[in-house]
Amino acid sequence: MKKQLVFLVLSFCALFAFAQQNQETRRTKSVLLFPEFREGKVVQSFGRFVTAKVNITLTEGKLCDIQDGKVREIDVTRIFSVEFPDAKFMKVPGGMMGKVVGQDGYNYLLKVTLIDKDRVRRETADGLEQKAFFVEGAMLDLEREGQSANEGYPLIDKYYFNIQGTVIPANESAFKKHVVPERKKEFKKLMNEHYWSWRDEDSLQKLFQFLKK
């Protein structure tokens, strides 16, 4: 009976993992996050801000604007965040902009949405022409033939935590350094749960409880 129970549990876990891997891939025909450039509040150091029509590239996750019909990548060295009426984005490593998808006090969960370039290459047949998306001063390479051209570019999400001003990637080795001492055992227990995933937004939301308020 015990062996049968173990078998059933393992089978269920395998099916669950298989289902997660085979979720329908999100796709887009555009290399920009928003269909149009949107007016946003660009917040700089010491609370200073300007308003500008901006967008975010899905190739590199970079903030950009448009002038004289040309898309330009914005230098975000002194930029802290960008706020729209329905969304807020904060800077993460590499100068990318991550959407705030969770918050607890001064701790934030951020999501960067990007085109999955590795999958684009896998979907593209050998020998087809490579095209590119140009931003002033930089060329963002993408192969635009094959399945990706017909069905749209596949998307992936990368998660980060902004912990009271310190931004880290959402992974165990980086996060556990910020877990408060009295919750370390509970955190370790959660990491051993079968259904825990660092790629699942709902799972990541549960981590706020382990951080200093």
N, C-alpha and C. Protein backbone atom coordinates (compact mmCIF):
# COMPACT_ATOMS: atom_id res chain seq x y z
N MET A 1 0.84 -1.20 0.00
CA MET A 1 0.00 0.00 0.00
C MET A 1 0.88 1.26 0.00
N LYS A 2 1.95 1.23 0.81
CA LYS A 2 2.85 2.37 0.91
C LYS A 2 3.54 2.63 -0.42
N LYS A 3 3.96 1.55 -1.10
CA LYS A 3 4.63 1.68 -2.39
C LYS A 3 3.67 2.28 -3.43
N GLN A 4 2.40 1.85 -3.37
CA GLN A 4 1.41 2.37 -4.31
C GLN A 4 1.19 3.86 -4.09
N LEU A 5 1.16 4.27 -2.83
CA LEU A 5 0.96 5.68 -2.51
C LEU A 5 2.11 6.52 -3.02
N VAL A 6 3.34 6.04 -2.80
CA VAL A 6 4.52 6.75 -3.28
C VAL A 6 4.49 6.87 -4.79
N PHE A 7 4.08 5.78 -5.45
CA PHE A 7 4.00 5.78 -6.92
C PHE A 7 2.99 6.81 -7.42
N LEU A 8 1.84 6.87 -6.74
CA LEU A 8 0.80 7.82 -7.14
C LEU A 8 1.27 9.26 -6.95
N VAL A 9 1.95 9.51 -5.83
CA VAL A 9 2.44 10.86 -5.57
C VAL A 9 3.46 11.28 -6.62
N LEU A 10 4.39 10.38 -6.93
CA LEU A 10 5.42 10.68 -7.93
C LEU A 10 4.81 10.88 -9.31
N SER A 11 3.80 10.08 -9.62
CA SER A 11 3.13 10.19 -10.91
C SER A 11 2.42 11.53 -11.03
N PHE A 12 1.76 11.93 -9.94
CA PHE A 12 1.05 13.21 -9.94
C PHE A 12 2.03 14.36 -10.12
N CYS A 13 3.18 14.29 -9.44
CA CYS A 13 4.19 15.35 -9.55
C CYS A 13 4.72 15.44 -10.97
N ALA A 14 4.92 14.26 -11.59
CA ALA A 14 5.41 14.24 -12.96
C ALA A 14 4.40 14.87 -13.92
N LEU A 15 3.13 14.55 -13.72
CA LEU A 15 2.08 15.12 -14.56
C LEU A 15 1.98 16.62 -14.35
N PHE A 16 2.13 17.06 -13.09
CA PHE A 16 2.06 18.49 -12.78
C PHE A 16 3.19 19.24 -13.48
N ALA A 17 4.41 18.67 -13.42
CA ALA A 17 5.56 19.30 -14.05
C ALA A 17 5.38 19.33 -15.57
N PHE A 18 4.84 18.23 -16.12
CA PHE A 18 4.61 18.15 -17.56
C PHE A 18 3.61 19.21 -18.00
N ALA A 19 2.57 19.38 -17.21
CA ALA A 19 1.54 20.37 -17.53
C ALA A 19 2.12 21.78 -17.50
N GLN A 20 2.99 22.05 -16.50
CA GLN A 20 3.61 23.36 -16.42
C GLN A 20 4.47 23.65 -17.64
N GLN A 21 5.22 22.65 -18.08
CA GLN A 21 6.12 22.82 -19.20
C GLN A 21 5.36 23.00 -20.51
N ASN A 22 4.13 22.52 -20.56
CA ASN A 22 3.38 22.55 -21.80
C ASN A 22 2.27 23.59 -21.80
N GLN A 23 2.37 24.56 -20.90
CA GLN A 23 1.42 25.65 -20.94
C GLN A 23 1.60 26.40 -22.25
N GLU A 24 0.50 26.95 -22.73
CA GLU A 24 0.55 27.66 -24.00
C GLU A 24 1.54 28.82 -23.91
N THR A 25 2.42 28.89 -24.90
CA THR A 25 3.43 29.94 -24.93
C THR A 25 2.80 31.27 -25.30
N ARG A 26 3.08 32.31 -24.52
CA ARG A 26 2.64 33.65 -24.86
C ARG A 26 3.49 34.18 -25.99
N ARG A 27 2.86 34.86 -26.93
CA ARG A 27 3.58 35.38 -28.09
C ARG A 27 3.15 36.80 -28.39
N THR A 28 4.01 37.48 -29.13
CA THR A 28 3.72 38.85 -29.54
C THR A 28 4.27 39.09 -30.93
N LYS A 29 3.60 39.95 -31.68
CA LYS A 29 4.09 40.31 -33.01
C LYS A 29 5.00 41.53 -32.95
N SER A 30 5.03 42.19 -31.80
CA SER A 30 5.78 43.43 -31.65
C SER A 30 7.06 43.20 -30.86
N VAL A 31 8.03 44.09 -31.05
CA VAL A 31 9.25 44.04 -30.26
C VAL A 31 9.21 45.09 -29.15
N LEU A 32 8.04 45.71 -28.95
CA LEU A 32 7.83 46.67 -27.88
C LEU A 32 6.72 46.19 -26.97
N LEU A 33 6.82 46.52 -25.69
CA LEU A 33 5.85 46.04 -24.72
C LEU A 33 4.46 46.60 -24.95
N PHE A 34 4.38 47.90 -25.20
CA PHE A 34 3.09 48.55 -25.40
C PHE A 34 2.83 48.79 -26.89
N PRO A 35 1.58 48.69 -27.32
CA PRO A 35 1.25 48.95 -28.73
C PRO A 35 1.64 50.35 -29.18
N GLU A 36 1.54 51.32 -28.26
CA GLU A 36 1.90 52.70 -28.56
C GLU A 36 2.78 53.25 -27.44
N PHE A 37 3.53 54.29 -27.75
CA PHE A 37 4.32 54.96 -26.71
C PHE A 37 3.36 55.66 -25.76
N ARG A 38 3.59 55.46 -24.46
CA ARG A 38 2.67 55.97 -23.45
C ARG A 38 3.35 57.05 -22.60
N GLU A 39 2.55 58.03 -22.19
CA GLU A 39 3.08 59.07 -21.32
C GLU A 39 3.25 58.52 -19.91
N GLY A 40 4.45 58.60 -19.41
CA GLY A 40 4.74 58.08 -18.09
C GLY A 40 5.54 59.06 -17.26
N LYS A 41 5.53 58.87 -15.96
CA LYS A 41 6.29 59.69 -15.03
C LYS A 41 7.63 59.00 -14.80
N VAL A 42 8.69 59.58 -15.33
CA VAL A 42 10.03 59.01 -15.22
C VAL A 42 10.69 59.59 -13.97
N VAL A 43 10.81 58.75 -12.93
CA VAL A 43 11.32 59.19 -11.63
C VAL A 43 12.84 59.05 -11.57
N GLN A 44 13.49 60.13 -11.19
CA GLN A 44 14.94 60.16 -11.12
C GLN A 44 15.38 60.22 -9.66
N SER A 45 16.66 60.40 -9.46
CA SER A 45 17.22 60.47 -8.10
C SER A 45 16.62 61.64 -7.33
N PHE A 46 16.51 61.46 -6.01
CA PHE A 46 16.04 62.49 -5.09
C PHE A 46 14.61 62.94 -5.39
N GLY A 47 13.81 62.05 -6.00
CA GLY A 47 12.41 62.34 -6.23
C GLY A 47 12.11 63.22 -7.42
N ARG A 48 13.12 63.64 -8.15
CA ARG A 48 12.89 64.45 -9.34
C ARG A 48 12.25 63.57 -10.42
N PHE A 49 11.45 64.18 -11.28
CA PHE A 49 10.81 63.40 -12.34
C PHE A 49 10.49 64.28 -13.54
N VAL A 50 10.33 63.62 -14.67
CA VAL A 50 9.86 64.27 -15.89
C VAL A 50 8.78 63.39 -16.48
N THR A 51 7.93 63.94 -17.29
CA THR A 51 6.94 63.14 -18.00
C THR A 51 7.36 63.03 -19.46
N ALA A 52 7.21 61.85 -20.01
CA ALA A 52 7.63 61.62 -21.39
C ALA A 52 6.87 60.43 -21.96
N LYS A 53 6.76 60.40 -23.28
CA LYS A 53 6.15 59.26 -23.94
C LYS A 53 7.23 58.20 -24.15
N VAL A 54 7.04 57.06 -23.49
CA VAL A 54 8.08 56.03 -23.49
C VAL A 54 7.47 54.65 -23.76
N ASN A 55 8.35 53.69 -23.97
CA ASN A 55 7.97 52.30 -24.16
C ASN A 55 9.11 51.45 -23.62
N ILE A 56 8.96 50.14 -23.69
CA ILE A 56 9.99 49.22 -23.21
C ILE A 56 10.22 48.16 -24.28
N THR A 57 11.48 47.93 -24.64
CA THR A 57 11.78 46.93 -25.66
C THR A 57 11.66 45.53 -25.08
N LEU A 58 11.11 44.63 -25.87
CA LEU A 58 11.00 43.23 -25.46
C LEU A 58 12.25 42.45 -25.83
N THR A 59 13.14 43.06 -26.57
CA THR A 59 14.39 42.40 -26.93
C THR A 59 15.40 42.45 -25.79
N GLU A 60 15.47 43.62 -25.13
CA GLU A 60 16.46 43.80 -24.06
C GLU A 60 15.85 44.31 -22.77
N GLY A 61 14.55 44.59 -22.75
CA GLY A 61 13.91 45.10 -21.55
C GLY A 61 14.29 46.52 -21.23
N LYS A 62 14.71 47.30 -22.24
CA LYS A 62 15.21 48.66 -22.00
C LYS A 62 14.12 49.70 -22.24
N LEU A 63 14.23 50.78 -21.48
CA LEU A 63 13.33 51.92 -21.64
C LEU A 63 13.72 52.67 -22.91
N CYS A 64 12.73 53.11 -23.69
CA CYS A 64 13.03 53.82 -24.93
C CYS A 64 11.98 54.89 -25.18
N ASP A 65 12.35 55.88 -26.01
CA ASP A 65 11.39 56.88 -26.47
C ASP A 65 11.50 56.98 -27.98
N ILE A 66 10.76 57.90 -28.56
CA ILE A 66 10.80 58.06 -30.01
C ILE A 66 10.88 59.54 -30.35
N GLN A 67 11.83 59.88 -31.20
CA GLN A 67 12.01 61.25 -31.64
C GLN A 67 12.31 61.26 -33.12
N ASP A 68 11.61 62.14 -33.85
CA ASP A 68 11.79 62.24 -35.30
C ASP A 68 11.62 60.88 -35.99
N GLY A 69 10.69 60.09 -35.45
CA GLY A 69 10.41 58.80 -36.06
C GLY A 69 11.41 57.71 -35.73
N LYS A 70 12.39 58.03 -34.87
CA LYS A 70 13.42 57.05 -34.52
C LYS A 70 13.25 56.60 -33.07
N VAL A 71 13.32 55.30 -32.85
CA VAL A 71 13.26 54.74 -31.50
C VAL A 71 14.65 54.84 -30.88
N ARG A 72 14.71 55.43 -29.67
CA ARG A 72 16.00 55.60 -29.01
C ARG A 72 15.97 54.97 -27.62
N GLU A 73 17.04 54.25 -27.31
CA GLU A 73 17.18 53.69 -25.96
C GLU A 73 17.56 54.80 -25.00
N ILE A 74 16.91 54.83 -23.83
CA ILE A 74 17.15 55.88 -22.85
C ILE A 74 18.20 55.43 -21.83
N ASP A 75 19.13 56.32 -21.53
CA ASP A 75 20.12 56.05 -20.49
C ASP A 75 19.42 56.10 -19.13
N VAL A 76 19.41 54.97 -18.43
CA VAL A 76 18.67 54.89 -17.16
C VAL A 76 19.59 54.97 -15.94
N THR A 77 20.80 55.46 -16.14
CA THR A 77 21.77 55.54 -15.05
C THR A 77 21.19 56.27 -13.84
N ARG A 78 20.48 57.36 -14.08
CA ARG A 78 19.93 58.16 -12.98
C ARG A 78 18.43 57.96 -12.81
N ILE A 79 17.88 56.99 -13.50
CA ILE A 79 16.43 56.74 -13.43
C ILE A 79 16.15 55.62 -12.43
N PHE A 80 15.16 55.83 -11.59
CA PHE A 80 14.78 54.86 -10.57
C PHE A 80 13.58 54.03 -11.00
N SER A 81 12.56 54.70 -11.55
CA SER A 81 11.35 53.98 -11.93
C SER A 81 10.58 54.76 -12.99
N VAL A 82 9.58 54.10 -13.58
CA VAL A 82 8.66 54.74 -14.52
C VAL A 82 7.25 54.36 -14.09
N GLU A 83 6.39 55.36 -13.96
CA GLU A 83 5.03 55.12 -13.47
C GLU A 83 4.00 55.50 -14.52
N PHE A 84 3.10 54.55 -14.80
CA PHE A 84 1.95 54.78 -15.66
C PHE A 84 0.70 54.72 -14.78
N PRO A 85 -0.45 55.17 -15.29
CA PRO A 85 -1.66 55.11 -14.47
C PRO A 85 -2.01 53.71 -13.98
N ASP A 86 -1.65 52.69 -14.77
CA ASP A 86 -2.04 51.31 -14.43
C ASP A 86 -0.86 50.39 -14.16
N ALA A 87 0.34 50.91 -14.11
CA ALA A 87 1.51 50.04 -13.90
C ALA A 87 2.72 50.87 -13.47
N LYS A 88 3.61 50.20 -12.74
CA LYS A 88 4.86 50.83 -12.31
C LYS A 88 6.02 49.90 -12.66
N PHE A 89 7.10 50.48 -13.16
CA PHE A 89 8.29 49.72 -13.52
C PHE A 89 9.48 50.27 -12.76
N MET A 90 10.34 49.36 -12.28
CA MET A 90 11.54 49.75 -11.55
C MET A 90 12.76 49.15 -12.24
N LYS A 91 13.89 49.80 -12.08
CA LYS A 91 15.12 49.36 -12.75
C LYS A 91 15.70 48.13 -12.07
N VAL A 92 16.18 47.20 -12.88
CA VAL A 92 16.85 45.99 -12.38
C VAL A 92 18.22 45.91 -13.03
N PRO A 93 19.09 44.98 -12.59
CA PRO A 93 20.44 44.88 -13.17
C PRO A 93 20.42 44.78 -14.69
N GLY A 94 21.41 45.39 -15.31
CA GLY A 94 21.49 45.39 -16.76
C GLY A 94 20.73 46.54 -17.39
N GLY A 95 20.18 47.44 -16.54
CA GLY A 95 19.44 48.57 -17.07
C GLY A 95 18.07 48.21 -17.60
N MET A 96 17.57 47.02 -17.26
CA MET A 96 16.24 46.62 -17.70
C MET A 96 15.18 47.20 -16.77
N MET A 97 13.93 47.22 -17.25
CA MET A 97 12.83 47.74 -16.46
C MET A 97 11.88 46.59 -16.11
N GLY A 98 11.66 46.39 -14.81
CA GLY A 98 10.80 45.31 -14.35
C GLY A 98 9.48 45.84 -13.81
N LYS A 99 8.40 45.23 -14.22
CA LYS A 99 7.07 45.64 -13.75
C LYS A 99 6.85 45.19 -12.31
N VAL A 100 6.31 46.08 -11.49
CA VAL A 100 6.00 45.73 -10.11
C VAL A 100 4.76 44.83 -10.11
N VAL A 101 4.93 43.57 -9.70
CA VAL A 101 3.81 42.62 -9.66
C VAL A 101 3.49 42.18 -8.24
N GLY A 102 4.24 42.71 -7.28
CA GLY A 102 3.98 42.40 -5.88
C GLY A 102 4.71 43.39 -5.00
N GLN A 103 4.12 43.72 -3.85
CA GLN A 103 4.76 44.67 -2.94
C GLN A 103 4.35 44.40 -1.51
N ASP A 104 5.30 44.52 -0.61
CA ASP A 104 5.04 44.44 0.83
C ASP A 104 5.95 45.47 1.50
N GLY A 105 5.38 46.61 1.86
CA GLY A 105 6.19 47.68 2.42
C GLY A 105 7.16 48.21 1.38
N TYR A 106 8.47 48.17 1.72
CA TYR A 106 9.49 48.64 0.79
C TYR A 106 10.16 47.48 0.03
N ASN A 107 9.50 46.35 -0.01
CA ASN A 107 9.98 45.20 -0.76
C ASN A 107 9.08 44.98 -1.97
N TYR A 108 9.71 44.73 -3.13
CA TYR A 108 8.95 44.61 -4.37
C TYR A 108 9.34 43.34 -5.13
N LEU A 109 8.35 42.75 -5.81
CA LEU A 109 8.60 41.67 -6.76
C LEU A 109 8.45 42.27 -8.15
N LEU A 110 9.49 42.10 -8.98
CA LEU A 110 9.52 42.72 -10.30
C LEU A 110 9.59 41.66 -11.39
N LYS A 111 8.90 41.92 -12.50
CA LYS A 111 8.87 40.98 -13.63
C LYS A 111 9.34 41.67 -14.90
N VAL A 112 10.38 41.10 -15.51
CA VAL A 112 10.87 41.58 -16.80
C VAL A 112 10.39 40.62 -17.88
N THR A 113 9.66 41.13 -18.84
CA THR A 113 9.16 40.31 -19.94
C THR A 113 10.04 40.53 -21.16
N LEU A 114 10.53 39.43 -21.73
CA LEU A 114 11.46 39.50 -22.86
C LEU A 114 11.07 38.50 -23.95
N ILE A 115 11.52 38.77 -25.15
CA ILE A 115 11.40 37.78 -26.22
C ILE A 115 12.40 36.67 -25.96
N ASP A 116 11.95 35.44 -26.05
CA ASP A 116 12.81 34.27 -25.82
C ASP A 116 13.64 34.03 -27.08
N LYS A 117 14.82 34.64 -27.11
CA LYS A 117 15.65 34.58 -28.31
C LYS A 117 16.13 33.16 -28.62
N ASP A 118 16.42 32.38 -27.58
CA ASP A 118 16.86 31.00 -27.81
C ASP A 118 15.77 30.20 -28.52
N ARG A 119 14.52 30.39 -28.08
CA ARG A 119 13.43 29.67 -28.73
C ARG A 119 13.20 30.17 -30.15
N VAL A 120 13.37 31.48 -30.36
CA VAL A 120 13.24 32.03 -31.71
C VAL A 120 14.23 31.33 -32.65
N ARG A 121 15.46 31.16 -32.17
CA ARG A 121 16.47 30.51 -33.00
C ARG A 121 16.12 29.05 -33.28
N ARG A 122 15.57 28.36 -32.26
CA ARG A 122 15.19 26.97 -32.46
C ARG A 122 14.05 26.83 -33.47
N GLU A 123 13.18 27.82 -33.48
CA GLU A 123 12.03 27.77 -34.37
C GLU A 123 12.36 28.23 -35.79
N THR A 124 13.55 28.79 -35.94
CA THR A 124 13.94 29.35 -37.23
C THR A 124 14.77 28.33 -38.00
N ALA A 125 14.35 28.04 -39.22
CA ALA A 125 15.07 27.05 -40.03
C ALA A 125 16.43 27.61 -40.44
N ASP A 126 17.41 26.72 -40.61
CA ASP A 126 18.75 27.13 -41.03
C ASP A 126 18.70 27.78 -42.40
N GLY A 127 19.52 28.83 -42.55
CA GLY A 127 19.66 29.45 -43.87
C GLY A 127 18.68 30.55 -44.16
N LEU A 128 17.67 30.76 -43.32
CA LEU A 128 16.73 31.83 -43.58
C LEU A 128 17.36 33.17 -43.20
N GLU A 129 16.88 34.19 -43.84
CA GLU A 129 17.47 35.51 -43.65
C GLU A 129 17.27 36.03 -42.23
N GLN A 130 18.33 36.58 -41.67
CA GLN A 130 18.23 37.24 -40.36
C GLN A 130 17.89 38.70 -40.57
N LYS A 131 16.95 39.17 -39.75
CA LYS A 131 16.61 40.59 -39.78
C LYS A 131 16.87 41.17 -38.40
N ALA A 132 16.72 42.44 -38.26
CA ALA A 132 17.03 43.07 -36.98
C ALA A 132 16.09 44.22 -36.71
N PHE A 133 15.96 44.55 -35.45
CA PHE A 133 15.19 45.71 -35.01
C PHE A 133 16.19 46.77 -34.57
N PHE A 134 16.12 47.95 -35.15
CA PHE A 134 17.13 48.97 -34.90
C PHE A 134 16.66 50.00 -33.88
N VAL A 135 17.52 50.28 -32.94
CA VAL A 135 17.34 51.40 -32.03
C VAL A 135 18.55 52.29 -32.25
N GLU A 136 18.35 53.59 -32.23
CA GLU A 136 19.45 54.51 -32.51
C GLU A 136 20.66 54.17 -31.64
N GLY A 137 21.77 53.87 -32.29
CA GLY A 137 22.99 53.57 -31.56
C GLY A 137 23.16 52.10 -31.23
N ALA A 138 22.16 51.27 -31.53
CA ALA A 138 22.26 49.85 -31.20
C ALA A 138 21.38 49.03 -32.13
N MET A 139 21.78 47.80 -32.39
CA MET A 139 20.98 46.90 -33.20
C MET A 139 20.56 45.72 -32.34
N LEU A 140 19.26 45.47 -32.26
CA LEU A 140 18.75 44.39 -31.45
C LEU A 140 18.44 43.21 -32.37
N ASP A 141 19.28 42.19 -32.34
CA ASP A 141 19.17 41.10 -33.30
C ASP A 141 17.98 40.19 -32.99
N LEU A 142 17.25 39.86 -34.04
CA LEU A 142 16.17 38.88 -33.96
C LEU A 142 16.03 38.20 -35.31
N GLU A 143 15.79 36.92 -35.31
CA GLU A 143 15.48 36.20 -36.54
C GLU A 143 13.98 36.25 -36.71
N ARG A 144 13.50 36.76 -37.84
CA ARG A 144 12.09 37.04 -37.97
C ARG A 144 11.38 36.12 -38.95
N GLU A 145 12.03 35.03 -39.32
CA GLU A 145 11.40 34.07 -40.22
C GLU A 145 10.93 32.86 -39.43
N GLY A 146 10.49 31.82 -40.14
CA GLY A 146 10.06 30.60 -39.48
C GLY A 146 8.81 30.80 -38.63
N GLN A 147 8.63 29.94 -37.65
CA GLN A 147 7.43 29.96 -36.82
C GLN A 147 7.25 31.29 -36.10
N SER A 148 8.33 31.89 -35.64
CA SER A 148 8.23 33.13 -34.89
C SER A 148 7.64 34.26 -35.73
N ALA A 149 7.88 34.23 -37.04
CA ALA A 149 7.32 35.26 -37.90
C ALA A 149 5.83 35.05 -38.10
N ASN A 150 5.42 33.80 -38.17
CA ASN A 150 4.01 33.49 -38.45
C ASN A 150 3.13 33.62 -37.22
N GLU A 151 3.62 33.17 -36.08
CA GLU A 151 2.80 33.12 -34.87
C GLU A 151 3.15 34.20 -33.85
N GLY A 152 4.22 34.91 -34.09
CA GLY A 152 4.66 35.92 -33.14
C GLY A 152 5.84 35.42 -32.32
N TYR A 153 6.57 36.34 -31.74
CA TYR A 153 7.73 35.98 -30.94
C TYR A 153 7.31 35.36 -29.61
N PRO A 154 7.93 34.26 -29.18
CA PRO A 154 7.64 33.68 -27.86
C PRO A 154 8.21 34.56 -26.75
N LEU A 155 7.51 34.64 -25.63
CA LEU A 155 7.91 35.49 -24.52
C LEU A 155 8.32 34.66 -23.30
N ILE A 156 9.23 35.20 -22.52
CA ILE A 156 9.59 34.61 -21.24
C ILE A 156 9.58 35.72 -20.18
N ASP A 157 9.43 35.33 -18.93
CA ASP A 157 9.46 36.27 -17.82
C ASP A 157 10.65 35.97 -16.92
N LYS A 158 11.32 37.02 -16.49
CA LYS A 158 12.40 36.90 -15.52
C LYS A 158 12.02 37.73 -14.30
N TYR A 159 12.23 37.17 -13.10
CA TYR A 159 11.79 37.83 -11.88
C TYR A 159 12.97 38.32 -11.04
N TYR A 160 12.71 39.43 -10.36
CA TYR A 160 13.70 40.03 -9.47
C TYR A 160 12.99 40.52 -8.21
N PHE A 161 13.76 40.66 -7.13
CA PHE A 161 13.26 41.29 -5.92
C PHE A 161 14.03 42.58 -5.69
N ASN A 162 13.29 43.64 -5.36
CA ASN A 162 13.89 44.87 -4.87
C ASN A 162 13.64 44.87 -3.37
N ILE A 163 14.68 44.59 -2.60
CA ILE A 163 14.54 44.47 -1.14
C ILE A 163 15.10 45.73 -0.50
N GLN A 164 14.19 46.64 -0.22
CA GLN A 164 14.56 47.92 0.39
C GLN A 164 15.72 48.60 -0.35
N GLY A 165 15.63 48.58 -1.67
CA GLY A 165 16.61 49.26 -2.50
C GLY A 165 17.68 48.37 -3.10
N THR A 166 17.82 47.15 -2.59
CA THR A 166 18.79 46.20 -3.14
C THR A 166 18.07 45.25 -4.10
N VAL A 167 18.50 45.22 -5.35
CA VAL A 167 17.83 44.40 -6.36
C VAL A 167 18.62 43.12 -6.59
N ILE A 168 17.91 41.99 -6.51
CA ILE A 168 18.55 40.68 -6.70
C ILE A 168 17.70 39.84 -7.65
N PRO A 169 18.32 38.88 -8.35
CA PRO A 169 17.52 37.96 -9.16
C PRO A 169 16.73 37.03 -8.25
N ALA A 170 15.58 36.59 -8.71
CA ALA A 170 14.74 35.70 -7.91
C ALA A 170 15.28 34.28 -8.00
N ASN A 171 16.23 33.96 -7.15
CA ASN A 171 16.72 32.59 -7.04
C ASN A 171 17.12 32.34 -5.58
N GLU A 172 17.25 31.07 -5.23
CA GLU A 172 17.46 30.72 -3.83
C GLU A 172 18.76 31.26 -3.26
N SER A 173 19.85 31.14 -4.00
CA SER A 173 21.15 31.55 -3.47
C SER A 173 21.19 33.04 -3.15
N ALA A 174 20.54 33.85 -3.99
CA ALA A 174 20.54 35.29 -3.75
C ALA A 174 19.55 35.67 -2.66
N PHE A 175 18.38 35.03 -2.66
CA PHE A 175 17.31 35.44 -1.75
C PHE A 175 17.60 35.04 -0.30
N LYS A 176 18.18 33.85 -0.10
CA LYS A 176 18.33 33.35 1.27
C LYS A 176 19.23 34.24 2.13
N LYS A 177 20.06 35.06 1.49
CA LYS A 177 20.91 35.99 2.24
C LYS A 177 20.10 37.10 2.91
N HIS A 178 18.87 37.29 2.45
CA HIS A 178 18.02 38.36 2.98
C HIS A 178 16.92 37.84 3.90
N VAL A 179 16.86 36.52 4.10
CA VAL A 179 15.84 35.95 4.98
C VAL A 179 16.16 36.31 6.43
N VAL A 180 15.16 36.78 7.17
CA VAL A 180 15.40 37.13 8.58
C VAL A 180 15.74 35.85 9.35
N PRO A 181 16.67 35.93 10.31
CA PRO A 181 17.16 34.74 11.01
C PRO A 181 16.08 33.84 11.60
N GLU A 182 15.04 34.44 12.18
CA GLU A 182 14.00 33.63 12.84
C GLU A 182 13.10 32.88 11.86
N ARG A 183 13.24 33.15 10.56
CA ARG A 183 12.39 32.45 9.58
C ARG A 183 13.18 31.53 8.66
N LYS A 184 14.46 31.32 8.94
CA LYS A 184 15.30 30.53 8.05
C LYS A 184 14.83 29.07 7.92
N LYS A 185 14.39 28.48 9.04
CA LYS A 185 13.92 27.08 8.99
C LYS A 185 12.66 26.96 8.15
N GLU A 186 11.75 27.91 8.30
CA GLU A 186 10.52 27.89 7.51
C GLU A 186 10.83 28.07 6.02
N PHE A 187 11.80 28.94 5.74
CA PHE A 187 12.18 29.17 4.34
C PHE A 187 12.75 27.90 3.73
N LYS A 188 13.62 27.22 4.46
CA LYS A 188 14.22 25.98 3.96
C LYS A 188 13.14 24.92 3.71
N LYS A 189 12.15 24.87 4.60
CA LYS A 189 11.06 23.92 4.43
C LYS A 189 10.27 24.21 3.16
N LEU A 190 10.01 25.50 2.91
CA LEU A 190 9.27 25.88 1.71
C LEU A 190 10.03 25.50 0.45
N MET A 191 11.35 25.64 0.49
CA MET A 191 12.17 25.30 -0.68
C MET A 191 12.11 23.81 -1.02
N ASN A 192 11.75 22.99 -0.05
CA ASN A 192 11.65 21.54 -0.28
C ASN A 192 10.27 21.09 -0.74
N GLU A 193 9.33 22.04 -0.81
CA GLU A 193 7.98 21.69 -1.26
C GLU A 193 8.02 21.31 -2.75
N HIS A 194 7.26 20.26 -3.09
CA HIS A 194 7.26 19.77 -4.48
C HIS A 194 6.74 20.81 -5.46
N TYR A 195 5.80 21.62 -5.02
CA TYR A 195 5.14 22.52 -5.95
C TYR A 195 5.75 23.91 -5.96
N TRP A 196 6.85 24.08 -5.26
CA TRP A 196 7.51 25.38 -5.24
C TRP A 196 8.24 25.63 -6.56
N SER A 197 8.17 26.85 -7.06
CA SER A 197 8.88 27.17 -8.30
C SER A 197 9.33 28.63 -8.28
N TRP A 198 10.57 28.87 -8.65
CA TRP A 198 11.10 30.22 -8.76
C TRP A 198 10.62 30.90 -10.03
N ARG A 199 9.90 30.19 -10.86
CA ARG A 199 9.36 30.77 -12.10
C ARG A 199 7.88 31.07 -11.99
N ASP A 200 7.32 30.78 -10.83
CA ASP A 200 5.88 30.96 -10.62
C ASP A 200 5.63 32.20 -9.78
N GLU A 201 4.85 33.12 -10.33
CA GLU A 201 4.61 34.40 -9.65
C GLU A 201 3.91 34.22 -8.31
N ASP A 202 2.95 33.31 -8.25
CA ASP A 202 2.23 33.07 -6.99
C ASP A 202 3.17 32.53 -5.92
N SER A 203 4.09 31.65 -6.32
CA SER A 203 5.07 31.12 -5.37
C SER A 203 5.96 32.24 -4.84
N LEU A 204 6.40 33.10 -5.72
CA LEU A 204 7.32 34.17 -5.33
C LEU A 204 6.65 35.17 -4.40
N GLN A 205 5.35 35.38 -4.56
CA GLN A 205 4.63 36.31 -3.69
C GLN A 205 4.71 35.87 -2.22
N LYS A 206 4.85 34.58 -1.99
CA LYS A 206 4.88 34.05 -0.62
C LYS A 206 6.20 34.38 0.10
N LEU A 207 7.18 34.83 -0.64
CA LEU A 207 8.49 35.07 -0.03
C LEU A 207 8.58 36.37 0.76
N PHE A 208 7.63 37.26 0.58
CA PHE A 208 7.67 38.53 1.31
C PHE A 208 7.69 38.31 2.82
N GLN A 209 7.06 37.22 3.27
CA GLN A 209 6.96 36.96 4.71
C GLN A 209 8.32 36.69 5.36
N PHE A 210 9.33 36.37 4.55
CA PHE A 210 10.65 36.03 5.08
C PHE A 210 11.60 37.24 5.11
N LEU A 211 11.10 38.38 4.67
CA LEU A 211 11.95 39.57 4.58
C LEU A 211 11.70 40.53 5.74
N LYS A 212 12.70 41.33 6.00
CA LYS A 212 12.56 42.38 7.02
C LYS A 212 11.57 43.41 6.53
N LYS A 213 10.65 43.81 7.37
CA LYS A 213 9.63 44.79 6.98
C LYS A 213 10.23 46.20 6.95
